[in-house]
């Protein structure tokens, strides 16, 4: 039988990851997280993840550096980082964005540095 359970998550009670992300709703094959008011910084060393990420910028600006490309992300923009792609972000001004990862990033500490 198909699971028909609806789950609501209040972000005020959501756990935080080591990098500052706030974990939101998570299903078996997809999860959401929120990066809230991330402050300007220099780009961290590139990383590769074993999940795909899609994101949407709510506020602020950042650069996404991936596989030799630099993409400016601004409010209203969305992006995709394919599974296994070398990438990093440089926050240019206070930045808030929501991301979805598949499979869920937090399972088995997939998103820890």
C-alpha atoms as a PDB file:
ATOM      1  CA  UNK A   1       0.000   0.000   0.000  1.00  0.00           C
ATOM      2  CA  UNK A   2       1.184   3.528  -0.771  1.00  0.00           C
ATOM      3  CA  UNK A   3       2.147   5.749   2.161  1.00  0.00           C
ATOM      4  CA  UNK A   4      -0.364   8.621   2.322  1.00  0.00           C
ATOM      5  CA  UNK A   5       0.981  10.272   5.462  1.00  0.00           C
ATOM      6  CA  UNK A   6       1.260  14.055   5.267  1.00  0.00           C
ATOM      7  CA  UNK A   7       4.009  15.564   7.392  1.00  0.00           C
ATOM      8  CA  UNK A   8       4.235  19.200   8.480  1.00  0.00           C
ATOM      9  CA  UNK A   9       7.512  20.608   9.793  1.00  0.00           C
ATOM     10  CA  UNK A  10       7.717  23.886  11.697  1.00  0.00           C
ATOM     11  CA  UNK A  11      11.018  25.552  10.834  1.00  0.00           C
ATOM     12  CA  UNK A  12      11.163  27.060  14.321  1.00  0.00           C
ATOM     13  CA  UNK A  13      11.820  23.526  15.619  1.00  0.00           C
ATOM     14  CA  UNK A  14      14.007  22.276  12.762  1.00  0.00           C
ATOM     15  CA  UNK A  15      17.476  20.917  13.507  1.00  0.00           C
ATOM     16  CA  UNK A  16      20.561  22.676  12.142  1.00  0.00           C
ATOM     17  CA  UNK A  17      23.476  21.138  10.304  1.00  0.00           C
ATOM     18  CA  UNK A  18      27.151  21.843  10.996  1.00  0.00           C
ATOM     19  CA  UNK A  19      27.366  24.318   8.105  1.00  0.00           C
ATOM     20  CA  UNK A  20      24.413  26.380   9.392  1.00  0.00           C
ATOM     21  CA  UNK A  21      21.651  24.916   7.238  1.00  0.00           C
ATOM     22  CA  UNK A  22      18.210  24.369   8.748  1.00  0.00           C
ATOM     23  CA  UNK A  23      16.653  21.014   7.842  1.00  0.00           C
ATOM     24  CA  UNK A  24      13.039  21.261   6.718  1.00  0.00           C
ATOM     25  CA  UNK A  25      10.707  18.538   5.424  1.00  0.00           C
ATOM     26  CA  UNK A  26      12.297  15.268   4.360  1.00  0.00           C
ATOM     27  CA  UNK A  27      10.828  12.298   2.543  1.00  0.00           C
ATOM     28  CA  UNK A  28      12.301   8.992   1.439  1.00  0.00           C
ATOM     29  CA  UNK A  29      13.910  10.358  -1.719  1.00  0.00           C
ATOM     30  CA  UNK A  30      13.852  14.160  -1.330  1.00  0.00           C
ATOM     31  CA  UNK A  31      14.675  16.670   1.421  1.00  0.00           C
ATOM     32  CA  UNK A  32      14.546  20.444   1.881  1.00  0.00           C
ATOM     33  CA  UNK A  33      16.877  22.725   3.774  1.00  0.00           C
ATOM     34  CA  UNK A  34      17.063  26.469   4.382  1.00  0.00           C
ATOM     35  CA  UNK A  35      20.133  28.685   4.341  1.00  0.00           C
ATOM     36  CA  UNK A  36      19.007  31.755   6.255  1.00  0.00           C
ATOM     37  CA  UNK A  37      20.815  35.102   6.318  1.00  0.00           C
ATOM     38  CA  UNK A  38      24.191  33.607   5.381  1.00  0.00           C
ATOM     39  CA  UNK A  39      26.783  36.381   5.633  1.00  0.00           C
ATOM     40  CA  UNK A  40      29.297  37.427   2.937  1.00  0.00           C
ATOM     41  CA  UNK A  41      32.416  35.271   2.819  1.00  0.00           C
ATOM     42  CA  UNK A  42      35.140  33.977   0.605  1.00  0.00           C
ATOM     43  CA  UNK A  43      34.387  30.807  -1.316  1.00  0.00           C
ATOM     44  CA  UNK A  44      35.169  27.626   0.626  1.00  0.00           C
ATOM     45  CA  UNK A  45      37.188  24.831  -1.005  1.00  0.00           C
ATOM     46  CA  UNK A  46      35.158  23.037  -3.692  1.00  0.00           C
ATOM     47  CA  UNK A  47      33.322  19.886  -2.679  1.00  0.00           C
ATOM     48  CA  UNK A  48      31.487  17.046  -4.409  1.00  0.00           C
ATOM     49  CA  UNK A  49      28.283  15.505  -3.035  1.00  0.00           C
ATOM     50  CA  UNK A  50      26.550  12.202  -3.702  1.00  0.00           C
ATOM     51  CA  UNK A  51      23.199  13.925  -4.205  1.00  0.00           C
ATOM     52  CA  UNK A  52      21.651  16.388  -6.665  1.00  0.00           C
ATOM     53  CA  UNK A  53      20.741  19.864  -5.391  1.00  0.00           C
ATOM     54  CA  UNK A  54      18.203  22.350  -6.719  1.00  0.00           C
ATOM     55  CA  UNK A  55      17.802  25.722  -5.071  1.00  0.00           C
ATOM     56  CA  UNK A  56      15.855  28.973  -5.080  1.00  0.00           C
ATOM     57  CA  UNK A  57      17.171  32.355  -3.889  1.00  0.00           C
ATOM     58  CA  UNK A  58      14.800  34.189  -1.554  1.00  0.00           C
ATOM     59  CA  UNK A  59      17.092  37.161  -0.816  1.00  0.00           C
ATOM     60  CA  UNK A  60      20.665  38.316  -1.379  1.00  0.00           C
ATOM     61  CA  UNK A  61      23.376  37.444  -3.865  1.00  0.00           C
ATOM     62  CA  UNK A  62      25.957  34.680  -4.178  1.00  0.00           C
ATOM     63  CA  UNK A  63      28.247  33.161  -6.768  1.00  0.00           C
ATOM     64  CA  UNK A  64      27.994  29.462  -7.529  1.00  0.00           C
ATOM     65  CA  UNK A  65      31.344  28.108  -8.759  1.00  0.00           C
ATOM     66  CA  UNK A  66      30.934  24.717 -10.437  1.00  0.00           C
ATOM     67  CA  UNK A  67      33.114  22.796 -12.871  1.00  0.00           C
ATOM     68  CA  UNK A  68      34.822  25.957 -14.195  1.00  0.00           C
ATOM     69  CA  UNK A  69      31.611  27.992 -14.408  1.00  0.00           C
ATOM     70  CA  UNK A  70      30.661  30.985 -12.243  1.00  0.00           C
ATOM     71  CA  UNK A  71      26.943  31.732 -11.967  1.00  0.00           C
ATOM     72  CA  UNK A  72      25.581  34.814 -10.186  1.00  0.00           C
ATOM     73  CA  UNK A  73      22.576  33.906  -8.030  1.00  0.00           C
ATOM     74  CA  UNK A  74      20.108  36.662  -7.085  1.00  0.00           C
ATOM     75  CA  UNK A  75      16.626  36.813  -5.554  1.00  0.00           C
ATOM     76  CA  UNK A  76      14.198  34.916  -7.780  1.00  0.00           C
ATOM     77  CA  UNK A  77      16.884  32.730  -9.403  1.00  0.00           C
ATOM     78  CA  UNK A  78      16.955  28.960  -9.176  1.00  0.00           C
ATOM     79  CA  UNK A  79      19.830  26.562  -9.869  1.00  0.00           C
ATOM     80  CA  UNK A  80      20.846  22.924 -10.192  1.00  0.00           C
ATOM     81  CA  UNK A  81      24.078  21.306  -8.995  1.00  0.00           C
ATOM     82  CA  UNK A  82      24.288  17.795 -10.475  1.00  0.00           C
ATOM     83  CA  UNK A  83      25.312  14.878  -8.293  1.00  0.00           C
ATOM     84  CA  UNK A  84      29.097  14.573  -8.148  1.00  0.00           C
ATOM     85  CA  UNK A  85      29.849  18.060  -9.519  1.00  0.00           C
ATOM     86  CA  UNK A  86      32.719  19.959  -7.933  1.00  0.00           C
ATOM     87  CA  UNK A  87      31.252  23.202  -6.568  1.00  0.00           C
ATOM     88  CA  UNK A  88      31.361  25.948  -3.955  1.00  0.00           C
ATOM     89  CA  UNK A  89      29.460  29.138  -3.118  1.00  0.00           C
ATOM     90  CA  UNK A  90      30.770  32.645  -2.426  1.00  0.00           C
ATOM     91  CA  UNK A  91      28.213  34.739  -0.527  1.00  0.00           C
ATOM     92  CA  UNK A  92      28.283  38.344  -1.794  1.00  0.00           C
ATOM     93  CA  UNK A  93      25.575  39.843   0.432  1.00  0.00           C
ATOM     94  CA  UNK A  94      23.305  38.415   3.155  1.00  0.00           C
ATOM     95  CA  UNK A  95      21.813  35.360   1.456  1.00  0.00           C
ATOM     96  CA  UNK A  96      18.685  33.294   2.082  1.00  0.00           C
ATOM     97  CA  UNK A  97      17.825  30.318  -0.099  1.00  0.00           C
ATOM     98  CA  UNK A  98      15.934  27.060   0.054  1.00  0.00           C
ATOM     99  CA  UNK A  99      17.370  23.878  -1.449  1.00  0.00           C
ATOM    100  CA  UNK A 100      16.016  20.436  -2.191  1.00  0.00           C
ATOM    101  CA  UNK A 101      18.342  17.454  -2.364  1.00  0.00           C
ATOM    102  CA  UNK A 102      17.812  14.022  -3.823  1.00  0.00           C
ATOM    103  CA  UNK A 103      18.481  11.690  -2.196  1.00  0.00           C
ATOM    104  CA  UNK A 104      18.073  13.519   1.145  1.00  0.00           C
ATOM    105  CA  UNK A 105      21.381  15.222   2.033  1.00  0.00           C
ATOM    106  CA  UNK A 106      21.211  14.699   5.792  1.00  0.00           C
ATOM    107  CA  UNK A 107      20.816  10.917   5.621  1.00  0.00           C
ATOM    108  CA  UNK A 108      24.040   9.233   6.759  1.00  0.00           C
ATOM    109  CA  UNK A 109      25.724  12.672   7.052  1.00  0.00           C
ATOM    110  CA  UNK A 110      25.920  13.141   3.278  1.00  0.00           C
ATOM    111  CA  UNK A 111      26.176  16.914   3.631  1.00  0.00           C
ATOM    112  CA  UNK A 112      28.812  17.186   6.346  1.00  0.00           C
ATOM    113  CA  UNK A 113      32.153  18.574   5.288  1.00  0.00           C
END
